[in-house]
């Protein structure tokens, strides 16, 4: 029973919001995922990150997800290897142990995983294992804010109808 006679807010919280909802909210751009080949040079990777204005790219070998590479990987590599890193390949610096999620996963569970593991981007795979999208921590935060705003509006409406 809700406190003070306030009715439960339908869909309250993001617990019932799914990753598929987040991808839909991204529109047509959510369907297109910027990717890179593992043999691409780090210099080429930097150009692609700038071209797409993103912080990470999914690494595909054919249609198979084999890694993820981010600006953070580049910075760490430059610190360790200097300018010679620019001639290295994406395979040399990418994270090969990629965490992924499914469209049916909850936004709340993804937020917890991203926070606990300090992950900023997760590829979304469909039921057949094909790349279906990518979700960033910014996408998760945006979905939480949207849900909170919808909850607030519904509660304000309930209160004003008295």
Protein backbone atom coordinates (compact mmCIF):
# COMPACT_ATOMS: atom_id res chain seq x y z
CA UNK A 1 0.00 0.00 0.00
CA UNK A 2 1.48 3.38 -0.96
CA UNK A 3 2.25 5.85 1.82
CA UNK A 4 -0.25 8.65 2.51
CA UNK A 5 -2.77 7.25 0.07
CA UNK A 6 -0.68 8.21 -2.96
CA UNK A 7 -1.34 5.79 -5.80
CA UNK A 8 1.58 3.86 -7.24
CA UNK A 9 3.01 5.48 -10.33
CA UNK A 10 2.71 3.19 -13.31
CA UNK A 11 6.17 2.29 -14.57
CA UNK A 12 7.76 4.10 -11.64
CA UNK A 13 11.53 3.85 -11.69
CA UNK A 14 13.58 2.40 -14.48
CA UNK A 15 13.32 -1.16 -13.14
CA UNK A 16 10.74 -1.99 -15.75
CA UNK A 17 12.45 0.02 -18.50
CA UNK A 18 14.43 -2.18 -20.88
CA UNK A 19 17.51 -1.57 -22.99
CA UNK A 20 15.30 -1.87 -26.08
CA UNK A 21 13.43 1.23 -24.81
CA UNK A 22 16.71 3.13 -24.53
CA UNK A 23 17.70 2.14 -28.07
CA UNK A 24 14.30 3.22 -29.39
CA UNK A 25 14.73 6.53 -27.59
CA UNK A 26 17.98 7.10 -29.46
CA UNK A 27 16.02 6.98 -32.73
CA UNK A 28 17.67 6.18 -36.04
CA UNK A 29 21.10 7.04 -34.66
CA UNK A 30 20.60 4.34 -32.01
CA UNK A 31 20.35 1.73 -34.73
CA UNK A 32 23.67 2.69 -36.32
CA UNK A 33 26.67 1.62 -34.27
CA UNK A 34 30.09 3.02 -35.07
CA UNK A 35 32.52 0.13 -35.39
CA UNK A 36 36.15 -0.44 -36.23
CA UNK A 37 38.20 -3.37 -37.52
CA UNK A 38 40.84 -4.83 -35.15
CA UNK A 39 43.52 -4.22 -37.79
CA UNK A 40 42.86 -0.47 -37.98
CA UNK A 41 45.75 1.64 -36.73
CA UNK A 42 45.33 3.68 -33.57
CA UNK A 43 45.77 6.78 -35.73
CA UNK A 44 42.82 5.59 -37.84
CA UNK A 45 40.86 4.83 -34.68
CA UNK A 46 41.34 8.38 -33.41
CA UNK A 47 40.05 9.71 -36.72
CA UNK A 48 36.95 7.49 -36.44
CA UNK A 49 36.28 8.54 -32.84
CA UNK A 50 36.41 12.17 -33.99
CA UNK A 51 34.34 11.49 -37.12
CA UNK A 52 31.50 9.94 -35.14
CA UNK A 53 32.01 12.21 -32.11
CA UNK A 54 31.93 9.21 -29.75
CA UNK A 55 34.07 7.98 -26.88
CA UNK A 56 34.21 4.31 -27.87
CA UNK A 57 33.86 2.03 -30.86
CA UNK A 58 32.81 -1.59 -30.99
CA UNK A 59 35.51 -3.74 -32.58
CA UNK A 60 34.10 -6.13 -35.18
CA UNK A 61 35.87 -8.93 -37.00
CA UNK A 62 33.40 -9.52 -39.81
CA UNK A 63 30.10 -9.45 -37.92
CA UNK A 64 31.56 -10.83 -34.68
CA UNK A 65 32.09 -8.50 -31.70
CA UNK A 66 35.70 -9.08 -30.61
CA UNK A 67 36.31 -6.02 -28.47
CA UNK A 68 35.62 -2.45 -27.54
CA UNK A 69 38.08 0.42 -27.69
CA UNK A 70 37.75 3.83 -26.08
CA UNK A 71 39.47 7.16 -25.75
CA UNK A 72 40.66 5.95 -22.37
CA UNK A 73 42.48 3.03 -24.06
CA UNK A 74 44.22 5.48 -26.38
CA UNK A 75 45.29 7.76 -23.52
CA UNK A 76 46.65 4.84 -21.50
CA UNK A 77 48.48 3.53 -24.54
CA UNK A 78 50.02 6.92 -25.30
CA UNK A 79 51.18 7.20 -21.70
CA UNK A 80 52.84 3.79 -21.86
CA UNK A 81 54.19 3.81 -25.43
CA UNK A 82 54.26 7.41 -26.61
CA UNK A 83 53.76 8.41 -30.23
CA UNK A 84 54.70 4.94 -31.51
CA UNK A 85 51.23 3.86 -30.39
CA UNK A 86 49.72 5.65 -33.41
CA UNK A 87 51.09 2.92 -35.69
CA UNK A 88 49.85 0.07 -33.48
CA UNK A 89 46.54 -1.64 -34.18
CA UNK A 90 43.23 -1.45 -32.39
CA UNK A 91 43.74 -5.12 -31.44
CA UNK A 92 46.80 -4.03 -29.44
CA UNK A 93 44.84 -1.70 -27.14
CA UNK A 94 41.20 -2.86 -27.20
CA UNK A 95 39.40 -4.58 -24.36
CA UNK A 96 38.79 -8.10 -25.62
CA UNK A 97 36.76 -9.27 -22.62
CA UNK A 98 33.67 -7.32 -23.66
CA UNK A 99 30.68 -7.01 -21.39
CA UNK A 100 27.49 -6.97 -23.43
CA UNK A 101 23.79 -6.76 -22.73
CA UNK A 102 20.54 -7.82 -24.35
CA UNK A 103 17.64 -5.59 -25.41
CA UNK A 104 15.53 -7.35 -22.76
CA UNK A 105 17.89 -6.44 -19.88
CA UNK A 106 16.65 -3.81 -17.45
CA UNK A 107 18.15 -0.35 -17.41
CA UNK A 108 18.59 -0.63 -13.63
CA UNK A 109 20.66 -3.82 -13.91
CA UNK A 110 22.77 -2.26 -16.65
CA UNK A 111 23.33 0.88 -14.53
CA UNK A 112 24.51 -1.30 -11.65
CA UNK A 113 26.90 -3.25 -13.91
CA UNK A 114 28.28 -0.07 -15.46
CA UNK A 115 28.83 1.52 -12.05
CA UNK A 116 30.37 -1.53 -10.38
CA UNK A 117 32.70 -2.31 -13.28
CA UNK A 118 33.39 1.31 -14.26
CA UNK A 119 32.19 0.69 -17.80
CA UNK A 120 30.98 3.62 -19.89
CA UNK A 121 29.80 1.77 -23.02
CA UNK A 122 28.16 -1.61 -23.53
CA UNK A 123 27.37 -3.21 -26.87
CA UNK A 124 23.84 -4.57 -27.14
CA UNK A 125 23.53 -7.97 -28.81
CA UNK A 126 20.31 -9.45 -30.15
CA UNK A 127 19.19 -12.99 -29.33
CA UNK A 128 21.36 -14.37 -32.16
CA UNK A 129 24.46 -12.56 -30.87
CA UNK A 130 24.48 -9.90 -33.60
CA UNK A 131 25.30 -6.30 -32.72
CA UNK A 132 22.01 -4.45 -32.19
CA UNK A 133 23.24 -1.18 -30.66
CA UNK A 134 25.39 0.40 -28.00
CA UNK A 135 24.39 1.99 -24.72
CA UNK A 136 26.48 4.58 -22.91
CA UNK A 137 26.31 5.65 -19.30
CA UNK A 138 24.90 8.93 -20.66
CA UNK A 139 22.03 7.01 -22.27
CA UNK A 140 21.31 5.30 -18.94
CA UNK A 141 21.34 8.60 -17.03
CA UNK A 142 19.10 10.21 -19.66
CA UNK A 143 16.58 7.35 -19.36
CA UNK A 144 16.55 7.70 -15.56
CA UNK A 145 15.96 11.45 -15.82
CA UNK A 146 13.15 10.96 -18.35
CA UNK A 147 11.48 8.42 -16.09
CA UNK A 148 11.79 10.69 -13.05
CA UNK A 149 10.27 13.58 -15.01
CA UNK A 150 7.38 11.39 -16.14
CA UNK A 151 6.81 10.22 -12.56
CA UNK A 152 6.87 13.84 -11.32
CA UNK A 153 4.38 14.93 -13.98
CA UNK A 154 2.04 12.07 -13.12
CA UNK A 155 2.20 12.86 -9.41
CA UNK A 156 1.62 16.59 -10.05
CA UNK A 157 -1.39 15.70 -12.16
CA UNK A 158 -2.75 13.44 -9.41
CA UNK A 159 -2.26 16.14 -6.76
CA UNK A 160 -3.88 18.89 -8.84
CA UNK A 161 -6.92 16.69 -9.55
CA UNK A 162 -7.18 16.28 -5.75
